[in-house]
Amino acid sequence: MLCGTELMPDISRHVVLVEEVAEHLYAVDRLFFHVTQSLRGIAGLRL
C-alpha cells in the first residue's frame, strides 16, 4: 500500500524484510507481484 504514495521512502540499495499474517496464499502472490515491481534496485529481499 505504501508503494507509489507520498509516504514511500527511497529504499534502493536496502535489504528489505517482509512478513505477513492472515492472508490467503493467492493474496500473498498478488502482493509480491505488486511490491517487486516497485523494489527494483534494492540490495535484496528476506522473507
All heavy atoms as atom14 arrays in JSON, in Angstrom:
{
  "sequence": "MLCGTELMPDISRHVVLVEEVAEHLYAVDRLFFHVTQSLRGIAGLRL",
  "atom14_mask": [
    [1, 1, 1, 1, 1, 1, 1, 1, 0, 0, 0, 0, 0, 0],
    [1, 1, 1, 1, 1, 1, 1, 1, 0, 0, 0, 0, 0, 0],
    [1, 1, 1, 1, 1, 1, 0, 0, 0, 0, 0, 0, 0, 0],
    [1, 1, 1, 1, 0, 0, 0, 0, 0, 0, 0, 0, 0, 0],
    [1, 1, 1, 1, 1, 1, 1, 0, 0, 0, 0, 0, 0, 0],
    [1, 1, 1, 1, 1, 1, 1, 1, 1, 0, 0, 0, 0, 0],
    [1, 1, 1, 1, 1, 1, 1, 1, 0, 0, 0, 0, 0, 0],
    [1, 1, 1, 1, 1, 1, 1, 1, 0, 0, 0, 0, 0, 0],
    [1, 1, 1, 1, 1, 1, 1, 0, 0, 0, 0, 0, 0, 0],
    [1, 1, 1, 1, 1, 1, 1, 1, 0, 0, 0, 0, 0, 0],
    [1, 1, 1, 1, 1, 1, 1, 1, 0, 0, 0, 0, 0, 0],
    [1, 1, 1, 1, 1, 1, 0, 0, 0, 0, 0, 0, 0, 0],
    [1, 1, 1, 1, 1, 1, 1, 1, 1, 1, 1, 0, 0, 0],
    [1, 1, 1, 1, 1, 1, 1, 1, 1, 1, 0, 0, 0, 0],
    [1, 1, 1, 1, 1, 1, 1, 0, 0, 0, 0, 0, 0, 0],
    [1, 1, 1, 1, 1, 1, 1, 0, 0, 0, 0, 0, 0, 0],
    [1, 1, 1, 1, 1, 1, 1, 1, 0, 0, 0, 0, 0, 0],
    [1, 1, 1, 1, 1, 1, 1, 0, 0, 0, 0, 0, 0, 0],
    [1, 1, 1, 1, 1, 1, 1, 1, 1, 0, 0, 0, 0, 0],
    [1, 1, 1, 1, 1, 1, 1, 1, 1, 0, 0, 0, 0, 0],
    [1, 1, 1, 1, 1, 1, 1, 0, 0, 0, 0, 0, 0, 0],
    [1, 1, 1, 1, 1, 0, 0, 0, 0, 0, 0, 0, 0, 0],
    [1, 1, 1, 1, 1, 1, 1, 1, 1, 0, 0, 0, 0, 0],
    [1, 1, 1, 1, 1, 1, 1, 1, 1, 1, 0, 0, 0, 0],
    [1, 1, 1, 1, 1, 1, 1, 1, 0, 0, 0, 0, 0, 0],
    [1, 1, 1, 1, 1, 1, 1, 1, 1, 1, 1, 1, 0, 0],
    [1, 1, 1, 1, 1, 0, 0, 0, 0, 0, 0, 0, 0, 0],
    [1, 1, 1, 1, 1, 1, 1, 0, 0, 0, 0, 0, 0, 0],
    [1, 1, 1, 1, 1, 1, 1, 1, 0, 0, 0, 0, 0, 0],
    [1, 1, 1, 1, 1, 1, 1, 1, 1, 1, 1, 0, 0, 0],
    [1, 1, 1, 1, 1, 1, 1, 1, 0, 0, 0, 0, 0, 0],
    [1, 1, 1, 1, 1, 1, 1, 1, 1, 1, 1, 0, 0, 0],
    [1, 1, 1, 1, 1, 1, 1, 1, 1, 1, 1, 0, 0, 0],
    [1, 1, 1, 1, 1, 1, 1, 1, 1, 1, 0, 0, 0, 0],
    [1, 1, 1, 1, 1, 1, 1, 0, 0, 0, 0, 0, 0, 0],
    [1, 1, 1, 1, 1, 1, 1, 0, 0, 0, 0, 0, 0, 0],
    [1, 1, 1, 1, 1, 1, 1, 1, 1, 0, 0, 0, 0, 0],
    [1, 1, 1, 1, 1, 1, 0, 0, 0, 0, 0, 0, 0, 0],
    [1, 1, 1, 1, 1, 1, 1, 1, 0, 0, 0, 0, 0, 0],
    [1, 1, 1, 1, 1, 1, 1, 1, 1, 1, 1, 0, 0, 0],
    [1, 1, 1, 1, 0, 0, 0, 0, 0, 0, 0, 0, 0, 0],
    [1, 1, 1, 1, 1, 1, 1, 1, 0, 0, 0, 0, 0, 0],
    [1, 1, 1, 1, 1, 0, 0, 0, 0, 0, 0, 0, 0, 0],
    [1, 1, 1, 1, 0, 0, 0, 0, 0, 0, 0, 0, 0, 0],
    [1, 1, 1, 1, 1, 1, 1, 1, 0, 0, 0, 0, 0, 0],
    [1, 1, 1, 1, 1, 1, 1, 1, 1, 1, 1, 0, 0, 0],
    [1, 1, 1, 1, 1, 1, 1, 1, 0, 0, 0, 0, 0, 0]
  ],
  "atom14_positions": [
    [[0.82, -1.21, 0.0], [0.0, 0.0, 0.0], [0.85, 1.27, 0.0], [0.43, 2.31, -0.49], [-0.93, 0.0, 1.21], [-1.96, -1.11, 1.23], [-3.09, -1.11, -0.19], [-2.35, -2.42, -1.2], [0.0, 0.0, 0.0], [0.0, 0.0, 0.0], [0.0, 0.0, 0.0], [0.0, 0.0, 0.0], [0.0, 0.0, 0.0], [0.0, 0.0, 0.0]],
    [[2.06, 1.19, 0.52], [2.96, 2.34, 0.53], [3.52, 2.66, -0.85], [3.75, 3.83, -1.18], [4.14, 2.07, 1.48], [3.92, 2.3, 2.96], [5.03, 1.63, 3.76], [3.89, 3.79, 3.27], [0.0, 0.0, 0.0], [0.0, 0.0, 0.0], [0.0, 0.0, 0.0], [0.0, 0.0, 0.0], [0.0, 0.0, 0.0], [0.0, 0.0, 0.0]],
    [[3.75, 1.63, -1.64], [4.42, 1.82, -2.93], [3.67, 2.83, -3.8], [2.46, 2.71, -4.0], [4.54, 0.49, -3.67], [5.71, -0.65, -2.93], [0.0, 0.0, 0.0], [0.0, 0.0, 0.0], [0.0, 0.0, 0.0], [0.0, 0.0, 0.0], [0.0, 0.0, 0.0], [0.0, 0.0, 0.0], [0.0, 0.0, 0.0], [0.0, 0.0, 0.0]],
    [[4.4, 3.82, -4.29], [3.82, 4.82, -5.16], [3.12, 5.96, -4.47], [2.56, 6.84, -5.13], [0.0, 0.0, 0.0], [0.0, 0.0, 0.0], [0.0, 0.0, 0.0], [0.0, 0.0, 0.0], [0.0, 0.0, 0.0], [0.0, 0.0, 0.0], [0.0, 0.0, 0.0], [0.0, 0.0, 0.0], [0.0, 0.0, 0.0], [0.0, 0.0, 0.0]],
    [[3.16, 6.01, -3.12], [2.47, 7.06, -2.38], [3.46, 8.11, -1.86], [4.69, 7.93, -1.92], [1.71, 6.49, -1.18], [2.65, 6.08, -0.17], [0.86, 5.3, -1.6], [0.0, 0.0, 0.0], [0.0, 0.0, 0.0], [0.0, 0.0, 0.0], [0.0, 0.0, 0.0], [0.0, 0.0, 0.0], [0.0, 0.0, 0.0], [0.0, 0.0, 0.0]],
    [[2.91, 9.16, -1.31], [3.73, 10.24, -0.75], [4.47, 9.83, 0.52], [5.32, 10.58, 1.01], [2.84, 11.44, -0.43], [1.77, 11.15, 0.61], [0.8, 12.29, 0.83], [1.18, 13.45, 0.56], [-0.33, 12.02, 1.28], [0.0, 0.0, 0.0], [0.0, 0.0, 0.0], [0.0, 0.0, 0.0], [0.0, 0.0, 0.0], [0.0, 0.0, 0.0]],
    [[4.16, 8.66, 1.05], [4.8, 8.2, 2.28], [6.0, 7.3, 2.02], [6.78, 7.03, 2.94], [3.8, 7.42, 3.15], [2.51, 8.14, 3.52], [1.63, 7.21, 4.34], [2.8, 9.43, 4.29], [0.0, 0.0, 0.0], [0.0, 0.0, 0.0], [0.0, 0.0, 0.0], [0.0, 0.0, 0.0], [0.0, 0.0, 0.0], [0.0, 0.0, 0.0]],
    [[6.16, 6.82, 0.79], [7.17, 5.8, 0.49], [8.58, 6.39, 0.49], [8.86, 7.33, -0.25], [6.87, 5.17, -0.86], [7.82, 4.05, -1.25], [7.62, 2.61, -0.18], [8.89, 1.52, -0.87], [0.0, 0.0, 0.0], [0.0, 0.0, 0.0], [0.0, 0.0, 0.0], [0.0, 0.0, 0.0], [0.0, 0.0, 0.0], [0.0, 0.0, 0.0]],
    [[9.48, 5.83, 1.3], [10.87, 6.32, 1.29], [11.67, 5.7, 0.15], [11.23, 4.72, -0.47], [11.41, 5.85, 2.64], [10.64, 4.59, 2.91], [9.26, 4.79, 2.32], [0.0, 0.0, 0.0], [0.0, 0.0, 0.0], [0.0, 0.0, 0.0], [0.0, 0.0, 0.0], [0.0, 0.0, 0.0], [0.0, 0.0, 0.0], [0.0, 0.0, 0.0]],
    [[12.83, 6.26, -0.11], [13.76, 5.66, -1.07], [14.5, 4.53, -0.34], [15.29, 4.77, 0.55], [14.75, 6.72, -1.56], [15.79, 6.15, -2.52], [15.7, 4.97, -2.89], [16.72, 6.9, -2.9], [0.0, 0.0, 0.0], [0.0, 0.0, 0.0], [0.0, 0.0, 0.0], [0.0, 0.0, 0.0], [0.0, 0.0, 0.0], [0.0, 0.0, 0.0]],
    [[14.2, 3.3, -0.74], [14.87, 2.15, -0.11], [15.74, 1.4, -1.12], [16.01, 0.21, -0.94], [13.87, 1.21, 0.59], [12.77, 0.75, -0.36], [13.26, 1.9, 1.81], [11.85, -0.3, 0.26], [0.0, 0.0, 0.0], [0.0, 0.0, 0.0], [0.0, 0.0, 0.0], [0.0, 0.0, 0.0], [0.0, 0.0, 0.0], [0.0, 0.0, 0.0]],
    [[16.15, 2.09, -2.16], [17.11, 1.48, -3.07], [18.39, 1.15, -2.31], [18.75, 1.85, -1.35], [17.42, 2.43, -4.24], [17.91, 3.66, -3.77], [0.0, 0.0, 0.0], [0.0, 0.0, 0.0], [0.0, 0.0, 0.0], [0.0, 0.0, 0.0], [0.0, 0.0, 0.0], [0.0, 0.0, 0.0], [0.0, 0.0, 0.0], [0.0, 0.0, 0.0]],
    [[19.02, 0.06, -2.69], [20.25, -0.44, -2.07], [20.05, -0.9, -0.63], [21.01, -1.11, 0.1], [21.38, 0.61, -2.16], [21.75, 0.98, -3.59], [22.84, 2.01, -3.65], [22.39, 3.27, -3.06], [21.64, 4.17, -3.7], [21.24, 3.94, -4.93], [21.28, 5.28, -3.1], [0.0, 0.0, 0.0], [0.0, 0.0, 0.0], [0.0, 0.0, 0.0]],
    [[18.81, -1.04, -0.2], [18.5, -1.58, 1.11], [18.17, -3.07, 1.02], [17.69, -3.55, -0.01], [17.26, -0.88, 1.71], [17.51, 0.49, 2.24], [17.99, 1.53, 1.45], [17.31, 1.03, 3.48], [18.08, 2.63, 2.18], [17.67, 2.34, 3.41], [0.0, 0.0, 0.0], [0.0, 0.0, 0.0], [0.0, 0.0, 0.0], [0.0, 0.0, 0.0]],
    [[18.4, -3.78, 2.11], [17.84, -5.11, 2.28], [16.44, -4.91, 2.87], [16.28, -4.22, 3.89], [18.7, -5.98, 3.21], [18.02, -7.32, 3.46], [20.08, -6.2, 2.6], [0.0, 0.0, 0.0], [0.0, 0.0, 0.0], [0.0, 0.0, 0.0], [0.0, 0.0, 0.0], [0.0, 0.0, 0.0], [0.0, 0.0, 0.0], [0.0, 0.0, 0.0]],
    [[15.45, -5.5, 2.23], [14.05, -5.31, 2.64], [13.54, -6.61, 3.25], [13.56, -7.67, 2.6], [13.18, -4.9, 1.44], [11.72, -4.75, 1.88], [13.7, -3.59, 0.83], [0.0, 0.0, 0.0], [0.0, 0.0, 0.0], [0.0, 0.0, 0.0], [0.0, 0.0, 0.0], [0.0, 0.0, 0.0], [0.0, 0.0, 0.0], [0.0, 0.0, 0.0]],
    [[13.08, -6.54, 4.5], [12.49, -7.67, 5.2], [10.98, -7.51, 5.19], [10.48, -6.41, 5.47], [12.98, -7.75, 6.64], [14.38, -8.35, 6.91], [15.47, -7.66, 6.14], [14.66, -8.34, 8.4], [0.0, 0.0, 0.0], [0.0, 0.0, 0.0], [0.0, 0.0, 0.0], [0.0, 0.0, 0.0], [0.0, 0.0, 0.0], [0.0, 0.0, 0.0]],
    [[10.26, -8.57, 4.87], [8.8, -8.51, 4.87], [8.22, -9.71, 5.61], [8.83, -10.78, 5.67], [8.21, -8.44, 3.44], [8.61, -7.15, 2.74], [8.63, -9.65, 2.61], [0.0, 0.0, 0.0], [0.0, 0.0, 0.0], [0.0, 0.0, 0.0], [0.0, 0.0, 0.0], [0.0, 0.0, 0.0], [0.0, 0.0, 0.0], [0.0, 0.0, 0.0]],
    [[7.03, -9.52, 6.16], [6.28, -10.59, 6.82], [4.81, -10.36, 6.57], [4.41, -9.27, 6.15], [6.59, -10.63, 8.32], [6.37, -9.33, 9.05], [4.92, -9.06, 9.43], [4.16, -10.03, 9.6], [4.53, -7.89, 9.52], [0.0, 0.0, 0.0], [0.0, 0.0, 0.0], [0.0, 0.0, 0.0], [0.0, 0.0, 0.0], [0.0, 0.0, 0.0]],
    [[3.99, -11.39, 6.8], [2.55, -11.23, 6.56], [1.77, -12.13, 7.51], [2.29, -13.11, 8.05], [2.22, -11.55, 5.1], [0.81, -11.2, 4.67], [0.43, -9.77, 5.04], [0.77, -8.85, 4.29], [-0.19, -9.6, 6.11], [0.0, 0.0, 0.0], [0.0, 0.0, 0.0], [0.0, 0.0, 0.0], [0.0, 0.0, 0.0], [0.0, 0.0, 0.0]],
    [[0.5, -11.78, 7.69], [-0.38, -12.56, 8.56], [-1.79, -12.54, 8.0], [-2.25, -11.53, 7.45], [-0.35, -12.0, 10.01], [-0.93, -10.58, 10.06], [-1.09, -12.91, 10.98], [0.0, 0.0, 0.0], [0.0, 0.0, 0.0], [0.0, 0.0, 0.0], [0.0, 0.0, 0.0], [0.0, 0.0, 0.0], [0.0, 0.0, 0.0], [0.0, 0.0, 0.0]],
    [[-2.47, -13.69, 8.12], [-3.91, -13.8, 7.84], [-4.28, -13.44, 6.41], [-5.35, -12.87, 6.16], [-4.7, -12.95, 8.83], [0.0, 0.0, 0.0], [0.0, 0.0, 0.0], [0.0, 0.0, 0.0], [0.0, 0.0, 0.0], [0.0, 0.0, 0.0], [0.0, 0.0, 0.0], [0.0, 0.0, 0.0], [0.0, 0.0, 0.0], [0.0, 0.0, 0.0]],
    [[-3.42, -13.76, 5.45], [-3.74, -13.57, 4.03], [-3.67, -14.91, 3.31], [-2.77, -15.72, 3.58], [-2.78, -12.59, 3.37], [-2.88, -11.15, 3.88], [-4.15, -10.45, 3.42], [-4.82, -10.96, 2.51], [-4.46, -9.38, 3.98], [0.0, 0.0, 0.0], [0.0, 0.0, 0.0], [0.0, 0.0, 0.0], [0.0, 0.0, 0.0], [0.0, 0.0, 0.0]],
    [[-4.61, -15.14, 2.39], [-4.53, -16.33, 1.55], [-3.23, -16.3, 0.73], [-2.7, -15.22, 0.41], [-5.71, -16.37, 0.58], [-7.01, -16.71, 1.23], [-7.83, -15.74, 1.8], [-7.66, -17.9, 1.4], [-8.92, -16.31, 2.29], [-8.84, -17.63, 2.07], [0.0, 0.0, 0.0], [0.0, 0.0, 0.0], [0.0, 0.0, 0.0], [0.0, 0.0, 0.0]],
    [[-2.74, -17.47, 0.36], [-1.5, -17.52, -0.42], [-1.67, -16.87, -1.79], [-0.72, -16.28, -2.31], [-1.01, -18.96, -0.55], [-0.42, -19.55, 0.73], [-0.11, -21.03, 0.54], [0.84, -18.8, 1.16], [0.0, 0.0, 0.0], [0.0, 0.0, 0.0], [0.0, 0.0, 0.0], [0.0, 0.0, 0.0], [0.0, 0.0, 0.0], [0.0, 0.0, 0.0]],
    [[-2.85, -16.94, -2.38], [-3.03, -16.25, -3.66], [-2.91, -14.74, -3.47], [-2.42, -14.02, -4.35], [-4.36, -16.62, -4.33], [-5.6, -16.13, -3.63], [-6.04, -14.81, -3.74], [-6.37, -17.01, -2.87], [-7.18, -14.37, -3.1], [-7.51, -16.59, -2.24], [-7.92, -15.26, -2.35], [-9.05, -14.83, -1.72], [0.0, 0.0, 0.0], [0.0, 0.0, 0.0]],
    [[-3.33, -14.23, -2.28], [-3.17, -12.81, -1.99], [-1.71, -12.45, -1.75], [-1.24, -11.38, -2.15], [-4.02, -12.42, -0.78], [0.0, 0.0, 0.0], [0.0, 0.0, 0.0], [0.0, 0.0, 0.0], [0.0, 0.0, 0.0], [0.0, 0.0, 0.0], [0.0, 0.0, 0.0], [0.0, 0.0, 0.0], [0.0, 0.0, 0.0], [0.0, 0.0, 0.0]],
    [[-0.97, -13.35, -1.1], [0.46, -13.14, -0.91], [1.15, -13.06, -2.27], [2.02, -12.2, -2.51], [1.07, -14.27, -0.04], [2.58, -14.17, 0.0], [0.49, -14.21, 1.37], [0.0, 0.0, 0.0], [0.0, 0.0, 0.0], [0.0, 0.0, 0.0], [0.0, 0.0, 0.0], [0.0, 0.0, 0.0], [0.0, 0.0, 0.0], [0.0, 0.0, 0.0]],
    [[0.77, -13.94, -3.18], [1.32, -13.9, -4.53], [1.01, -12.57, -5.21], [1.87, -11.94, -5.84], [0.74, -15.06, -5.34], [1.41, -15.23, -6.69], [2.49, -15.84, -6.73], [0.86, -14.73, -7.69], [0.0, 0.0, 0.0], [0.0, 0.0, 0.0], [0.0, 0.0, 0.0], [0.0, 0.0, 0.0], [0.0, 0.0, 0.0], [0.0, 0.0, 0.0]],
    [[-0.22, -12.11, -5.08], [-0.64, -10.84, -5.68], [0.17, -9.68, -5.09], [0.59, -8.76, -5.81], [-2.13, -10.64, -5.42], [-2.71, -9.37, -5.99], [-4.12, -9.17, -5.47], [-5.0, -10.26, -5.86], [-6.02, -10.69, -5.13], [-6.27, -10.15, -3.94], [-6.79, -11.66, -5.55], [0.0, 0.0, 0.0], [0.0, 0.0, 0.0], [0.0, 0.0, 0.0]],
    [[0.39, -9.71, -3.77], [1.15, -8.65, -3.12], [2.6, -8.63, -3.61], [3.17, -7.56, -3.86], [1.1, -8.82, -1.61], [-0.25, -8.57, -0.95], [-0.25, -9.06, 0.49], [-0.62, -7.09, -1.01], [0.0, 0.0, 0.0], [0.0, 0.0, 0.0], [0.0, 0.0, 0.0], [0.0, 0.0, 0.0], [0.0, 0.0, 0.0], [0.0, 0.0, 0.0]],
    [[3.2, -9.82, -3.73], [4.57, -9.86, -4.22], [4.67, -9.39, -5.67], [5.65, -8.75, -6.06], [5.16, -11.26, -4.07], [5.86, -11.48, -2.77], [5.36, -12.36, -1.82], [7.04, -10.8, -2.47], [6.01, -12.56, -0.61], [7.7, -10.98, -1.27], [7.18, -11.86, -0.34], [0.0, 0.0, 0.0], [0.0, 0.0, 0.0], [0.0, 0.0, 0.0]],
    [[3.67, -9.7, -6.49], [3.65, -9.19, -7.86], [3.75, -7.67, -7.87], [4.54, -7.08, -8.61], [2.36, -9.63, -8.56], [1.97, -8.77, -9.73], [2.71, -8.78, -10.9], [0.86, -7.94, -9.65], [2.35, -7.97, -11.97], [0.5, -7.13, -10.71], [1.24, -7.14, -11.87], [0.0, 0.0, 0.0], [0.0, 0.0, 0.0], [0.0, 0.0, 0.0]],
    [[2.97, -7.03, -7.01], [2.95, -5.56, -6.98], [4.23, -4.99, -6.35], [4.86, -4.09, -6.9], [1.73, -5.08, -6.2], [1.69, -3.59, -6.02], [1.57, -2.71, -7.07], [1.79, -2.83, -4.9], [1.58, -1.47, -6.61], [1.71, -1.52, -5.29], [0.0, 0.0, 0.0], [0.0, 0.0, 0.0], [0.0, 0.0, 0.0], [0.0, 0.0, 0.0]],
    [[4.6, -5.53, -5.2], [5.74, -4.98, -4.45], [7.04, -5.1, -5.25], [7.83, -4.15, -5.31], [5.86, -5.68, -3.08], [7.24, -5.47, -2.48], [4.79, -5.17, -2.13], [0.0, 0.0, 0.0], [0.0, 0.0, 0.0], [0.0, 0.0, 0.0], [0.0, 0.0, 0.0], [0.0, 0.0, 0.0], [0.0, 0.0, 0.0], [0.0, 0.0, 0.0]],
    [[7.28, -6.24, -5.85], [8.56, -6.43, -6.54], [8.69, -5.5, -7.74], [9.8, -5.13, -8.12], [8.76, -7.88, -6.97], [7.62, -8.32, -7.73], [8.96, -8.79, -5.76], [0.0, 0.0, 0.0], [0.0, 0.0, 0.0], [0.0, 0.0, 0.0], [0.0, 0.0, 0.0], [0.0, 0.0, 0.0], [0.0, 0.0, 0.0], [0.0, 0.0, 0.0]],
    [[7.57, -5.09, -8.33], [7.64, -4.12, -9.43], [8.21, -2.78, -8.95], [8.81, -2.05, -9.72], [6.25, -3.89, -10.03], [5.59, -5.11, -10.61], [6.31, -5.66, -11.82], [6.7, -4.91, -12.71], [6.53, -6.96, -11.82], [0.0, 0.0, 0.0], [0.0, 0.0, 0.0], [0.0, 0.0, 0.0], [0.0, 0.0, 0.0], [0.0, 0.0, 0.0]],
    [[7.98, -2.49, -7.67], [8.38, -1.19, -7.11], [9.72, -1.23, -6.39], [10.2, -0.18, -5.94], [7.3, -0.71, -6.13], [6.05, -0.6, -6.76], [0.0, 0.0, 0.0], [0.0, 0.0, 0.0], [0.0, 0.0, 0.0], [0.0, 0.0, 0.0], [0.0, 0.0, 0.0], [0.0, 0.0, 0.0], [0.0, 0.0, 0.0], [0.0, 0.0, 0.0]],
    [[10.31, -2.42, -6.25], [11.53, -2.54, -5.44], [12.78, -2.82, -6.27], [13.81, -3.19, -5.71], [11.35, -3.66, -4.4], [10.28, -3.44, -3.34], [10.34, -4.56, -2.31], [10.42, -2.08, -2.66], [0.0, 0.0, 0.0], [0.0, 0.0, 0.0], [0.0, 0.0, 0.0], [0.0, 0.0, 0.0], [0.0, 0.0, 0.0], [0.0, 0.0, 0.0]],
    [[12.71, -2.65, -7.56], [13.9, -2.84, -8.38], [14.99, -1.89, -7.89], [14.75, -0.71, -7.67], [13.6, -2.58, -9.85], [12.54, -3.51, -10.43], [12.19, -3.11, -11.86], [10.99, -3.77, -12.34], [10.98, -4.93, -12.98], [12.13, -5.56, -13.21], [9.84, -5.45, -13.42], [0.0, 0.0, 0.0], [0.0, 0.0, 0.0], [0.0, 0.0, 0.0]],
    [[16.19, -2.4, -7.71], [17.28, -1.57, -7.21], [17.57, -1.78, -5.74], [18.53, -1.2, -5.21], [0.0, 0.0, 0.0], [0.0, 0.0, 0.0], [0.0, 0.0, 0.0], [0.0, 0.0, 0.0], [0.0, 0.0, 0.0], [0.0, 0.0, 0.0], [0.0, 0.0, 0.0], [0.0, 0.0, 0.0], [0.0, 0.0, 0.0], [0.0, 0.0, 0.0]],
    [[16.77, -2.6, -5.05], [17.11, -2.9, -3.66], [18.24, -3.92, -3.61], [18.52, -4.63, -4.6], [15.89, -3.41, -2.85], [15.41, -4.77, -3.37], [14.77, -2.37, -2.88], [14.36, -5.42, -2.47], [0.0, 0.0, 0.0], [0.0, 0.0, 0.0], [0.0, 0.0, 0.0], [0.0, 0.0, 0.0], [0.0, 0.0, 0.0], [0.0, 0.0, 0.0]],
    [[18.9, -4.02, -2.46], [20.01, -4.95, -2.32], [19.54, -6.39, -2.22], [20.3, -7.33, -2.49], [20.84, -4.59, -1.09], [0.0, 0.0, 0.0], [0.0, 0.0, 0.0], [0.0, 0.0, 0.0], [0.0, 0.0, 0.0], [0.0, 0.0, 0.0], [0.0, 0.0, 0.0], [0.0, 0.0, 0.0], [0.0, 0.0, 0.0], [0.0, 0.0, 0.0]],
    [[18.29, -6.59, -1.84], [17.76, -7.94, -1.72], [16.55, -7.96, -0.82], [16.24, -6.98, -0.12], [0.0, 0.0, 0.0], [0.0, 0.0, 0.0], [0.0, 0.0, 0.0], [0.0, 0.0, 0.0], [0.0, 0.0, 0.0], [0.0, 0.0, 0.0], [0.0, 0.0, 0.0], [0.0, 0.0, 0.0], [0.0, 0.0, 0.0], [0.0, 0.0, 0.0]],
    [[15.85, -9.1, -0.84], [14.65, -9.27, -0.04], [14.79, -10.51, 0.83], [15.26, -11.55, 0.38], [13.42, -9.4, -0.95], [12.07, -9.51, -0.23], [11.02, -8.69, -0.95], [11.62, -10.97, -0.11], [0.0, 0.0, 0.0], [0.0, 0.0, 0.0], [0.0, 0.0, 0.0], [0.0, 0.0, 0.0], [0.0, 0.0, 0.0], [0.0, 0.0, 0.0]],
    [[14.37, -10.38, 2.1], [14.32, -11.51, 3.01], [12.89, -11.69, 3.49], [12.19, -10.71, 3.75], [15.27, -11.3, 4.2], [16.75, -11.28, 3.81], [17.62, -10.93, 4.99], [17.41, -11.86, 6.09], [17.7, -11.57, 7.37], [18.18, -10.38, 7.69], [17.48, -12.47, 8.31], [0.0, 0.0, 0.0], [0.0, 0.0, 0.0], [0.0, 0.0, 0.0]],
    [[12.48, -12.93, 3.64], [11.1, -13.24, 3.98], [10.98, -13.66, 5.43], [11.56, -14.66, 5.85], [10.57, -14.34, 3.07], [9.11, -14.77, 3.31], [8.16, -13.61, 3.03], [8.77, -15.98, 2.45], [0.0, 0.0, 0.0], [0.0, 0.0, 0.0], [0.0, 0.0, 0.0], [0.0, 0.0, 0.0], [0.0, 0.0, 0.0], [0.0, 0.0, 0.0]]
  ]
}
